N, C-alpha and C. Protein backbone atom coordinates (compact mmCIF):
# COMPACT_ATOMS: atom_id res chain seq x y z
N ALA A 1 7.83 100.55 212.92
CA ALA A 1 8.60 99.39 212.66
C ALA A 1 9.38 99.45 211.38
N GLY A 2 8.86 100.41 210.49
CA GLY A 2 9.70 100.43 209.15
C GLY A 2 9.66 101.94 208.74
N SER A 3 9.70 102.92 209.57
CA SER A 3 9.58 104.24 208.99
C SER A 3 10.75 104.72 208.08
N ASP A 4 11.74 104.10 208.10
CA ASP A 4 13.00 104.25 207.18
C ASP A 4 12.82 103.81 205.77
N GLU A 5 11.74 102.95 205.47
CA GLU A 5 11.72 102.26 204.24
C GLU A 5 10.32 102.48 203.62
N ALA A 6 10.38 103.14 202.44
CA ALA A 6 9.15 103.47 201.72
C ALA A 6 8.22 102.26 201.40
N CYS A 7 8.75 101.13 201.45
CA CYS A 7 8.05 99.99 201.03
C CYS A 7 7.10 99.57 202.22
N PHE A 8 7.33 99.99 203.42
CA PHE A 8 6.50 99.83 204.61
C PHE A 8 5.49 100.94 204.97
N ASP A 9 5.28 101.98 203.97
CA ASP A 9 4.60 103.01 204.27
C ASP A 9 3.23 102.73 204.70
N ASP A 10 2.57 101.74 203.98
CA ASP A 10 1.17 101.27 204.26
C ASP A 10 0.94 100.85 205.78
N TYR A 11 2.06 100.04 206.13
CA TYR A 11 1.85 99.55 207.46
C TYR A 11 2.16 100.79 208.58
N THR A 12 3.26 101.56 208.13
CA THR A 12 3.49 102.66 209.11
C THR A 12 2.22 103.50 209.20
N THR A 13 1.45 103.85 208.11
CA THR A 13 0.11 104.52 208.15
C THR A 13 -0.77 103.90 209.19
N LEU A 14 -0.89 102.50 209.12
CA LEU A 14 -1.75 101.64 209.96
C LEU A 14 -1.36 101.96 211.32
N GLN A 15 0.07 101.85 211.74
CA GLN A 15 0.52 101.99 212.94
C GLN A 15 0.12 103.52 213.58
N TRP A 16 0.26 104.52 212.62
CA TRP A 16 -0.21 105.86 213.16
C TRP A 16 -1.61 105.89 213.46
N GLN A 17 -2.33 105.28 212.57
CA GLN A 17 -3.85 105.46 212.86
C GLN A 17 -4.33 104.79 214.04
N ALA A 18 -3.77 103.64 214.31
CA ALA A 18 -4.06 102.86 215.68
C ALA A 18 -3.54 103.70 216.79
N PHE A 19 -2.30 104.18 216.74
CA PHE A 19 -1.74 105.03 217.77
C PHE A 19 -2.65 106.23 218.02
N ASP A 20 -2.87 106.89 217.07
CA ASP A 20 -3.68 108.09 217.14
C ASP A 20 -5.18 107.86 217.69
N ALA A 21 -5.68 106.90 217.39
CA ALA A 21 -7.05 106.48 217.94
C ALA A 21 -7.01 106.22 219.39
N MET A 22 -6.05 105.45 219.67
CA MET A 22 -5.93 104.88 221.15
C MET A 22 -5.51 105.99 221.81
N SER A 23 -4.52 106.83 221.54
CA SER A 23 -3.91 107.93 222.29
C SER A 23 -4.98 109.08 222.56
N SER A 24 -5.77 109.27 221.52
CA SER A 24 -6.79 110.24 221.63
C SER A 24 -7.92 109.95 222.74
N GLN A 25 -8.15 108.74 222.70
CA GLN A 25 -9.14 108.24 223.69
C GLN A 25 -8.45 108.46 225.27
N ILE A 26 -7.34 108.06 225.28
CA ILE A 26 -6.68 108.32 226.57
C ILE A 26 -6.53 109.76 226.99
N ARG A 27 -6.18 110.43 226.16
CA ARG A 27 -6.03 111.97 226.40
C ARG A 27 -7.41 112.62 226.76
N ALA A 28 -8.50 112.19 226.14
CA ALA A 28 -9.86 112.69 226.41
C ALA A 28 -10.20 112.32 227.95
N ALA A 29 -9.76 111.28 228.45
CA ALA A 29 -10.08 110.95 229.73
C ALA A 29 -9.35 111.68 230.89
N PHE A 30 -8.36 112.47 230.50
CA PHE A 30 -7.62 113.18 231.50
C PHE A 30 -7.92 114.84 231.50
N PRO A 31 -8.00 115.42 232.52
CA PRO A 31 -8.24 116.82 232.62
C PRO A 31 -7.09 117.70 232.06
N TYR A 32 -5.92 117.24 231.88
CA TYR A 32 -4.76 117.94 231.45
C TYR A 32 -4.30 117.33 230.22
N ALA A 33 -3.17 118.23 229.65
CA ALA A 33 -2.66 117.71 228.28
C ALA A 33 -1.74 116.54 228.66
N ILE A 34 -1.71 115.67 227.70
CA ILE A 34 -0.78 114.57 227.78
C ILE A 34 0.09 114.56 226.37
N ASP A 35 1.38 114.67 226.46
CA ASP A 35 2.24 114.75 225.32
C ASP A 35 2.24 113.34 224.70
N ARG A 36 2.34 113.33 223.29
CA ARG A 36 2.43 112.08 222.62
C ARG A 36 3.67 112.08 221.69
N HIS A 37 4.20 110.93 221.47
CA HIS A 37 5.23 110.69 220.41
C HIS A 37 5.32 109.31 219.90
N ILE A 38 5.52 109.29 218.55
CA ILE A 38 5.35 108.13 217.79
C ILE A 38 6.69 107.88 216.83
N LEU A 39 7.36 109.03 216.53
CA LEU A 39 8.19 109.01 215.62
C LEU A 39 9.69 108.76 216.00
N ASN A 40 10.30 108.04 215.30
CA ASN A 40 11.89 108.00 215.49
C ASN A 40 12.61 108.81 214.53
N SER A 41 13.88 108.67 214.65
CA SER A 41 14.77 109.53 213.84
C SER A 41 14.28 109.59 212.22
N ALA A 42 13.96 108.46 211.67
CA ALA A 42 13.64 108.30 210.28
C ALA A 42 12.14 108.85 210.13
N GLY A 43 11.38 108.63 211.06
CA GLY A 43 10.03 109.12 210.95
C GLY A 43 9.98 110.51 211.10
N ILE A 44 10.82 111.26 211.92
CA ILE A 44 10.87 112.78 211.95
C ILE A 44 11.13 113.33 210.64
N GLU A 45 11.97 112.64 209.79
CA GLU A 45 12.17 113.22 208.54
C GLU A 45 11.01 113.06 207.47
N ARG A 46 10.53 111.68 207.52
CA ARG A 46 9.67 111.24 206.49
C ARG A 46 8.15 111.49 206.88
N PHE A 47 7.84 111.61 208.17
CA PHE A 47 6.43 111.85 208.25
C PHE A 47 6.19 112.99 209.19
N THR A 48 6.26 114.21 208.71
CA THR A 48 6.31 115.36 209.56
C THR A 48 5.05 115.74 210.12
N GLN A 49 4.10 115.27 209.42
CA GLN A 49 2.57 115.37 209.80
C GLN A 49 2.20 114.73 211.06
N TRP A 50 3.05 113.74 211.46
CA TRP A 50 2.55 113.03 212.73
C TRP A 50 3.61 113.30 213.88
N GLN A 51 4.32 114.47 213.85
CA GLN A 51 5.27 114.73 214.97
C GLN A 51 4.75 114.89 216.23
N CYS A 52 3.41 115.01 216.44
CA CYS A 52 2.65 115.26 217.74
C CYS A 52 3.43 116.40 218.73
N GLU A 53 3.36 116.18 219.86
CA GLU A 53 4.02 117.20 220.64
C GLU A 53 5.37 116.94 221.01
N ARG A 54 5.94 115.70 220.83
CA ARG A 54 7.23 115.11 221.04
C ARG A 54 7.79 114.26 219.84
N VAL A 55 9.01 113.97 219.74
CA VAL A 55 9.54 113.20 218.94
C VAL A 55 10.61 112.40 219.55
N ARG A 56 11.17 111.26 219.00
CA ARG A 56 12.24 110.48 219.67
C ARG A 56 13.43 110.53 218.70
N LEU A 57 14.21 111.46 219.11
CA LEU A 57 15.55 111.54 218.30
C LEU A 57 16.63 110.65 218.80
N GLY A 58 16.68 109.47 218.11
CA GLY A 58 17.66 108.43 218.52
C GLY A 58 19.10 108.77 217.82
N ILE A 59 19.16 107.91 216.86
CA ILE A 59 20.41 107.84 216.19
C ILE A 59 20.76 109.40 215.44
N GLY A 60 19.64 109.97 215.02
CA GLY A 60 19.70 111.30 214.51
C GLY A 60 20.54 112.30 215.52
N LEU A 61 20.54 111.88 216.79
CA LEU A 61 21.28 112.80 217.82
C LEU A 61 22.74 112.89 217.45
N TYR A 62 23.31 111.71 216.90
CA TYR A 62 24.55 111.57 216.58
C TYR A 62 25.03 112.00 215.08
N GLY A 63 24.02 112.55 214.48
CA GLY A 63 24.05 113.13 213.14
C GLY A 63 24.04 112.06 211.96
N ILE A 64 23.48 111.13 212.33
CA ILE A 64 23.25 109.88 211.30
C ILE A 64 21.85 109.73 210.90
N SER A 65 21.63 109.81 209.62
CA SER A 65 20.16 109.78 209.20
C SER A 65 19.91 108.56 208.25
N PRO A 66 19.05 107.76 208.70
CA PRO A 66 18.69 106.53 207.84
C PRO A 66 18.01 106.94 206.40
N VAL A 67 17.72 108.20 206.34
CA VAL A 67 16.92 108.69 205.23
C VAL A 67 17.67 109.52 204.36
N ASN A 68 18.24 110.73 204.95
CA ASN A 68 19.00 111.71 203.99
C ASN A 68 20.38 112.10 204.81
N GLN A 69 21.24 111.39 204.60
CA GLN A 69 22.51 111.75 205.41
C GLN A 69 23.18 113.06 205.21
N GLN A 70 22.96 113.52 203.89
CA GLN A 70 23.53 114.87 203.50
C GLN A 70 22.76 115.92 204.46
N ALA A 71 21.77 115.66 205.06
CA ALA A 71 20.85 116.59 205.88
C ALA A 71 21.50 116.92 207.30
N LEU A 72 22.44 115.86 207.72
CA LEU A 72 22.86 115.98 208.97
C LEU A 72 24.37 115.78 209.08
N MET A 73 25.08 116.35 210.17
CA MET A 73 26.47 116.17 210.21
C MET A 73 26.83 115.34 211.38
N GLN A 74 27.54 114.21 210.96
CA GLN A 74 28.05 113.16 211.91
C GLN A 74 28.93 113.89 213.01
N VAL A 75 28.47 113.56 214.34
CA VAL A 75 29.14 114.24 215.46
C VAL A 75 30.23 113.30 216.14
N ALA A 76 30.13 112.03 215.85
CA ALA A 76 31.11 111.11 216.65
C ALA A 76 32.17 110.63 215.69
N SER A 77 33.41 110.41 216.17
CA SER A 77 34.56 109.84 215.45
C SER A 77 35.29 109.02 216.35
N PHE A 78 36.04 107.99 215.71
CA PHE A 78 36.85 107.13 216.42
C PHE A 78 38.24 107.22 215.87
N LYS A 79 39.07 107.59 216.66
CA LYS A 79 40.48 108.04 216.42
C LYS A 79 41.54 107.36 217.14
N THR A 80 42.80 107.19 216.57
CA THR A 80 43.93 106.64 217.26
C THR A 80 45.01 107.31 216.49
N GLN A 81 46.36 106.67 216.80
CA GLN A 81 47.49 106.89 216.16
C GLN A 81 48.36 105.85 215.84
N ILE A 82 49.31 106.05 214.78
CA ILE A 82 50.18 104.98 214.68
C ILE A 82 51.09 104.72 215.82
N LEU A 83 51.26 103.35 216.20
CA LEU A 83 52.03 103.01 217.29
C LEU A 83 53.37 102.73 216.81
N GLN A 84 53.55 101.93 215.81
CA GLN A 84 54.77 101.58 215.13
C GLN A 84 54.79 101.55 213.66
N LEU A 85 55.95 101.54 213.03
CA LEU A 85 56.05 101.54 211.61
C LEU A 85 57.03 100.44 211.41
N HIS A 86 56.92 99.55 210.39
CA HIS A 86 57.80 98.53 210.00
C HIS A 86 57.96 98.40 208.53
N HIS A 87 59.06 98.07 208.05
CA HIS A 87 59.23 97.78 206.51
C HIS A 87 59.33 96.28 206.42
N TYR A 88 58.53 95.89 205.22
CA TYR A 88 58.51 94.46 205.03
C TYR A 88 58.76 94.20 203.58
N ALA A 89 59.33 93.08 203.27
CA ALA A 89 59.57 92.75 201.84
C ALA A 89 58.42 92.21 201.11
N LYS A 90 58.25 92.01 199.93
CA LYS A 90 57.39 91.57 199.18
C LYS A 90 57.23 89.98 199.60
N GLY A 91 56.07 89.43 199.72
CA GLY A 91 55.96 87.95 200.04
C GLY A 91 55.82 87.62 201.45
N GLU A 92 56.14 88.72 202.37
CA GLU A 92 56.05 88.34 203.80
C GLU A 92 54.66 88.35 204.08
N SER A 93 54.46 87.67 205.38
CA SER A 93 52.94 87.54 205.73
C SER A 93 52.83 88.64 206.98
N ILE A 94 51.56 88.97 207.27
CA ILE A 94 51.23 89.90 208.23
C ILE A 94 50.18 89.42 209.24
N GLY A 95 50.50 89.38 210.52
CA GLY A 95 49.42 89.12 211.54
C GLY A 95 49.28 87.57 211.76
N TYR A 96 48.36 87.33 212.65
CA TYR A 96 48.12 85.93 213.18
C TYR A 96 47.59 85.27 212.11
N SER A 97 47.85 83.97 212.01
CA SER A 97 47.35 82.95 211.02
C SER A 97 48.01 83.25 209.68
N ARG A 98 48.84 84.22 209.47
CA ARG A 98 49.54 84.60 208.29
C ARG A 98 48.38 84.90 207.09
N LYS A 99 47.41 85.69 207.61
CA LYS A 99 46.15 85.97 206.72
C LYS A 99 46.52 86.87 205.55
N ALA A 100 47.49 87.66 205.64
CA ALA A 100 48.03 88.67 204.57
C ALA A 100 49.21 88.43 204.21
N TYR A 101 49.40 88.36 202.93
CA TYR A 101 50.75 88.24 202.18
C TYR A 101 50.95 89.58 201.43
N LEU A 102 52.15 90.19 201.55
CA LEU A 102 52.36 91.44 200.87
C LEU A 102 52.71 91.20 199.47
N GLU A 103 52.07 91.84 198.49
CA GLU A 103 52.29 91.85 197.15
C GLU A 103 53.39 92.83 196.68
N ARG A 104 54.03 93.57 197.48
CA ARG A 104 55.17 94.55 197.13
C ARG A 104 55.78 94.78 198.44
N ASP A 105 56.92 95.40 198.33
CA ASP A 105 57.71 95.93 199.66
C ASP A 105 56.82 96.97 200.08
N SER A 106 56.60 96.91 201.43
CA SER A 106 55.60 97.67 202.23
C SER A 106 56.03 98.21 203.45
N VAL A 107 55.39 99.45 203.73
CA VAL A 107 55.51 100.12 204.98
C VAL A 107 54.16 99.71 205.77
N VAL A 108 54.32 99.11 206.88
CA VAL A 108 53.08 98.77 207.53
C VAL A 108 53.03 99.35 208.90
N ALA A 109 51.84 99.85 209.28
CA ALA A 109 51.74 100.55 210.58
C ALA A 109 50.90 99.72 211.43
N THR A 110 51.27 99.80 212.68
CA THR A 110 50.50 98.94 213.82
C THR A 110 49.83 100.10 214.45
N ILE A 111 48.38 100.04 214.65
CA ILE A 111 47.62 101.01 215.44
C ILE A 111 46.99 100.17 216.67
N PRO A 112 46.96 100.97 217.76
CA PRO A 112 46.47 100.16 219.02
C PRO A 112 45.14 100.26 219.25
N VAL A 113 44.35 99.62 218.30
CA VAL A 113 42.91 99.42 218.41
C VAL A 113 42.75 98.14 217.84
N GLY A 114 41.98 97.24 218.55
CA GLY A 114 41.48 95.88 218.12
C GLY A 114 40.15 95.53 218.41
N TYR A 115 39.73 94.35 218.30
CA TYR A 115 38.32 94.00 218.59
C TYR A 115 37.89 94.22 220.00
N ALA A 116 38.86 94.21 220.98
CA ALA A 116 38.48 94.56 222.34
C ALA A 116 38.00 95.92 222.60
N ASP A 117 38.41 96.79 221.46
CA ASP A 117 38.01 98.17 221.69
C ASP A 117 36.68 98.39 220.87
N GLY A 118 36.27 97.23 220.25
CA GLY A 118 34.95 97.45 219.57
C GLY A 118 35.17 97.58 217.98
N PHE A 119 36.45 97.49 217.63
CA PHE A 119 36.96 97.59 216.02
C PHE A 119 36.61 96.19 215.56
N LEU A 120 35.46 95.97 215.01
CA LEU A 120 34.90 94.52 214.60
C LEU A 120 35.96 93.90 213.77
N ARG A 121 36.01 92.51 214.11
CA ARG A 121 36.98 91.66 213.16
C ARG A 121 36.64 91.57 211.64
N ARG A 122 35.32 91.98 211.54
CA ARG A 122 34.78 92.02 210.17
C ARG A 122 35.21 93.27 209.27
N ASN A 123 36.15 93.96 210.00
CA ASN A 123 36.65 95.17 209.31
C ASN A 123 37.82 94.65 208.54
N LYS A 124 38.36 93.40 208.56
CA LYS A 124 39.43 92.91 207.91
C LYS A 124 39.30 93.24 206.43
N GLY A 125 40.44 93.84 205.92
CA GLY A 125 40.38 94.28 204.57
C GLY A 125 39.70 95.55 204.21
N GLY A 126 39.31 96.08 205.23
CA GLY A 126 38.65 97.47 204.98
C GLY A 126 39.69 98.64 205.22
N GLU A 127 39.15 99.84 205.33
CA GLU A 127 40.00 100.94 205.28
C GLU A 127 39.82 101.84 206.52
N VAL A 128 41.01 102.57 206.83
CA VAL A 128 41.11 103.64 207.64
C VAL A 128 41.73 104.92 207.14
N LEU A 129 41.56 106.09 207.76
CA LEU A 129 42.27 107.15 207.28
C LEU A 129 43.43 107.38 208.00
N VAL A 130 44.68 107.66 207.27
CA VAL A 130 46.01 108.04 207.89
C VAL A 130 46.31 109.26 207.25
N ASN A 131 46.41 110.35 208.16
CA ASN A 131 46.69 111.67 207.62
C ASN A 131 45.65 112.15 206.55
N GLY A 132 44.48 111.79 206.84
CA GLY A 132 43.51 112.11 205.81
C GLY A 132 43.37 111.21 204.51
N ARG A 133 44.12 110.19 204.34
CA ARG A 133 44.29 109.60 203.19
C ARG A 133 43.92 108.04 203.50
N ARG A 134 43.08 107.35 202.64
CA ARG A 134 42.63 105.99 202.83
C ARG A 134 43.83 105.15 202.71
N ALA A 135 43.76 104.06 203.84
CA ALA A 135 44.89 103.16 203.83
C ALA A 135 44.23 101.75 204.06
N ARG A 136 44.53 100.73 203.65
CA ARG A 136 43.89 99.44 203.67
C ARG A 136 44.50 98.63 204.96
N LEU A 137 43.54 98.00 205.76
CA LEU A 137 43.81 97.20 206.79
C LEU A 137 44.41 95.85 206.32
N LEU A 138 45.46 95.35 207.05
CA LEU A 138 46.05 94.13 206.45
C LEU A 138 45.88 92.95 207.55
N GLY A 139 45.45 91.70 207.11
CA GLY A 139 45.38 90.60 208.05
C GLY A 139 44.08 90.67 208.94
N ASN A 140 44.09 89.85 209.93
CA ASN A 140 43.07 89.81 210.91
C ASN A 140 43.15 91.10 211.85
N ILE A 141 42.06 91.53 212.39
CA ILE A 141 42.04 92.46 213.43
C ILE A 141 42.38 91.78 214.67
N CYS A 142 43.34 92.13 215.28
CA CYS A 142 43.78 91.46 216.70
C CYS A 142 42.90 92.03 217.88
N MET A 143 43.20 91.44 219.02
CA MET A 143 42.36 91.88 220.24
C MET A 143 42.78 93.40 220.51
N ASP A 144 44.00 93.86 220.47
CA ASP A 144 44.51 95.01 220.97
C ASP A 144 45.16 95.96 219.84
N ALA A 145 45.19 95.39 218.63
CA ALA A 145 46.04 96.01 217.50
C ALA A 145 45.42 95.60 216.26
N CYS A 146 45.78 96.31 215.16
CA CYS A 146 45.74 95.99 213.71
C CYS A 146 46.66 96.53 213.04
N MET A 147 46.88 96.07 211.87
CA MET A 147 47.90 96.66 210.81
C MET A 147 47.32 97.23 209.62
N VAL A 148 47.93 98.32 209.22
CA VAL A 148 47.51 99.08 208.04
C VAL A 148 48.76 99.26 207.03
N ASP A 149 48.43 99.14 205.74
CA ASP A 149 49.29 99.34 204.78
C ASP A 149 49.52 100.88 204.43
N VAL A 150 50.59 101.49 204.85
CA VAL A 150 50.60 102.89 204.74
C VAL A 150 51.83 103.12 203.79
N THR A 151 52.04 102.24 202.88
CA THR A 151 53.14 102.46 201.83
C THR A 151 53.05 103.68 201.08
N ASP A 152 51.60 103.99 200.55
CA ASP A 152 51.48 105.06 199.83
C ASP A 152 51.15 106.47 200.49
N ILE A 153 51.30 106.35 201.94
CA ILE A 153 51.13 107.68 202.46
C ILE A 153 52.42 108.49 202.67
N PRO A 154 52.52 109.76 202.01
CA PRO A 154 53.69 110.21 202.22
C PRO A 154 54.21 110.84 203.56
N ASP A 155 55.48 110.78 203.95
CA ASP A 155 55.99 111.28 205.12
C ASP A 155 55.27 110.69 206.40
N VAL A 156 54.76 109.44 206.20
CA VAL A 156 54.13 108.90 207.29
C VAL A 156 55.04 108.63 208.56
N LYS A 157 54.67 108.70 209.78
CA LYS A 157 55.58 108.51 210.83
C LYS A 157 54.73 108.06 212.18
N GLU A 158 55.37 107.46 213.14
CA GLU A 158 54.81 107.05 214.38
C GLU A 158 54.11 108.26 215.03
N GLY A 159 52.91 108.24 215.57
CA GLY A 159 52.18 109.26 216.21
C GLY A 159 51.30 110.03 215.22
N ASP A 160 51.34 109.46 213.87
CA ASP A 160 50.36 110.27 213.16
C ASP A 160 48.96 109.81 213.29
N ALA A 161 48.00 110.60 212.98
CA ALA A 161 46.47 110.40 213.25
C ALA A 161 46.10 109.22 212.34
N VAL A 162 45.08 108.45 212.94
CA VAL A 162 44.40 107.54 212.20
C VAL A 162 42.84 107.62 212.62
N VAL A 163 42.09 107.55 211.66
CA VAL A 163 40.54 107.73 211.91
C VAL A 163 40.00 106.46 211.37
N LEU A 164 39.18 105.70 212.32
CA LEU A 164 38.50 104.55 212.13
C LEU A 164 37.10 104.82 211.63
N PHE A 165 36.57 105.83 212.03
CA PHE A 165 35.30 106.54 211.36
C PHE A 165 35.26 107.95 211.91
N GLY A 166 34.87 108.86 211.05
CA GLY A 166 34.81 110.25 211.31
C GLY A 166 34.31 110.90 210.02
N ASP A 167 34.70 112.12 209.88
CA ASP A 167 34.15 113.12 208.84
C ASP A 167 34.21 112.43 207.31
N SER A 168 35.26 112.04 207.10
CA SER A 168 35.60 111.53 205.61
C SER A 168 35.41 110.08 205.54
N LEU A 169 35.14 109.30 206.47
CA LEU A 169 34.82 107.89 206.59
C LEU A 169 33.80 107.75 207.55
N SER A 170 32.55 107.81 207.04
CA SER A 170 31.44 107.80 207.89
C SER A 170 30.97 106.57 208.53
N ILE A 171 30.36 106.64 209.77
CA ILE A 171 29.83 105.57 210.37
C ILE A 171 28.85 104.71 209.29
N SER A 172 28.12 105.34 208.58
CA SER A 172 27.18 104.72 207.65
C SER A 172 27.94 104.00 206.46
N GLN A 173 29.14 104.47 206.14
CA GLN A 173 29.92 103.79 205.10
C GLN A 173 30.53 102.76 205.68
N VAL A 174 31.04 102.69 206.91
CA VAL A 174 31.64 101.51 207.63
C VAL A 174 30.54 100.46 207.76
N ALA A 175 29.23 100.83 208.22
CA ALA A 175 28.24 99.83 208.42
C ALA A 175 27.83 99.27 207.19
N GLU A 176 27.71 100.15 206.11
CA GLU A 176 27.37 99.46 204.78
C GLU A 176 28.40 98.38 204.37
N ARG A 177 29.60 98.63 204.50
CA ARG A 177 30.73 97.79 204.11
C ARG A 177 30.50 96.41 204.89
N LEU A 178 30.21 96.43 206.21
CA LEU A 178 30.15 95.38 207.09
C LEU A 178 28.78 94.75 207.07
N ASP A 179 27.92 95.28 206.22
CA ASP A 179 26.56 94.59 206.14
C ASP A 179 25.79 94.69 207.42
N THR A 180 25.90 95.92 208.09
CA THR A 180 25.12 96.00 209.38
C THR A 180 24.48 97.45 209.36
N ILE A 181 24.20 97.92 210.59
CA ILE A 181 23.62 99.22 210.76
C ILE A 181 24.48 100.14 211.53
N PRO A 182 24.46 101.42 211.39
CA PRO A 182 25.22 102.36 212.19
C PRO A 182 25.10 102.15 213.62
N TYR A 183 24.04 101.73 214.08
CA TYR A 183 23.82 101.40 215.56
C TYR A 183 24.91 100.59 216.14
N GLU A 184 25.13 99.47 215.38
CA GLU A 184 26.02 98.37 215.80
C GLU A 184 27.54 99.15 215.81
N ILE A 185 27.86 99.83 214.89
CA ILE A 185 29.12 100.43 214.81
C ILE A 185 29.36 101.44 216.00
N LEU A 186 28.27 102.23 216.22
CA LEU A 186 28.43 103.08 217.46
C LEU A 186 28.46 102.32 218.85
N THR A 187 27.57 101.40 218.92
CA THR A 187 27.59 100.75 220.24
C THR A 187 28.47 99.68 220.52
N SER A 188 29.24 99.38 219.57
CA SER A 188 30.38 98.41 219.77
C SER A 188 31.66 98.88 220.28
N VAL A 189 31.82 100.32 220.27
CA VAL A 189 32.98 100.93 220.79
C VAL A 189 32.97 100.67 222.35
N SER A 190 33.89 99.84 222.89
CA SER A 190 33.90 99.43 224.22
C SER A 190 34.25 100.60 225.17
N GLN A 191 34.09 100.26 226.47
CA GLN A 191 34.37 101.33 227.46
C GLN A 191 35.80 101.61 227.86
N ARG A 192 36.64 100.68 227.28
CA ARG A 192 38.08 100.96 227.50
C ARG A 192 38.52 102.24 226.58
N VAL A 193 37.75 102.51 225.57
CA VAL A 193 38.18 103.51 224.61
C VAL A 193 37.88 104.84 225.32
N LYS A 194 38.93 105.75 225.32
CA LYS A 194 38.69 106.97 226.02
C LYS A 194 37.70 107.99 225.12
N ARG A 195 36.78 108.52 225.90
CA ARG A 195 35.88 109.51 225.33
C ARG A 195 36.36 110.87 225.48
N VAL A 196 36.29 111.71 224.45
CA VAL A 196 36.58 113.07 224.46
C VAL A 196 35.41 113.82 224.08
N TYR A 197 34.88 114.84 224.77
CA TYR A 197 33.63 115.59 224.45
C TYR A 197 34.00 116.90 224.08
N PHE A 198 33.39 117.52 222.94
CA PHE A 198 33.66 118.87 222.60
C PHE A 198 32.43 119.72 222.86
N HIS A 199 32.54 120.92 223.27
CA HIS A 199 31.39 121.87 223.56
C HIS A 199 31.63 123.01 222.85
N GLU A 200 30.50 123.53 222.23
CA GLU A 200 30.66 124.98 221.49
C GLU A 200 30.09 125.88 222.46
């Protein structure tokens, strides 16, 4: 229940002891071997002595570690492209309810991803990557789109790549900014978002 946090190690040890005692009795009652598993992704890293015959690699399968992110490589990314570019004057408002007012003359990109795609409205004011550079989201996240300040992105054009999470903007970073966990970011991506799978 708390294998990812050292403050719960005493409780985790009690859980292991209870599991080991109970599962040992069950195994002794059968004439054949029974595999056991108790560790999740964090437990696999932190409690190698309890790995038994099996482990449960959950979020670690996606290259996300609740313990040591540097040890794994994130395998999932959420990408789109710039749909439209518009030039706005300083002081103009952007988006529904006029939630963002421009502090300078700006180039604003519309990207075709919104909360119906699982790009949470809490991302308001966050960042995406445009051509590998960080760019700030403007105004509210709409159902099917959102706006990005690309004023400082050189040679930006419609069709340019936008990363909502990926190599240089990790799921863990997005989750931390939104005060949530990587699981929510991953599982929020809706079914209407096209999945592309790569195999080596």
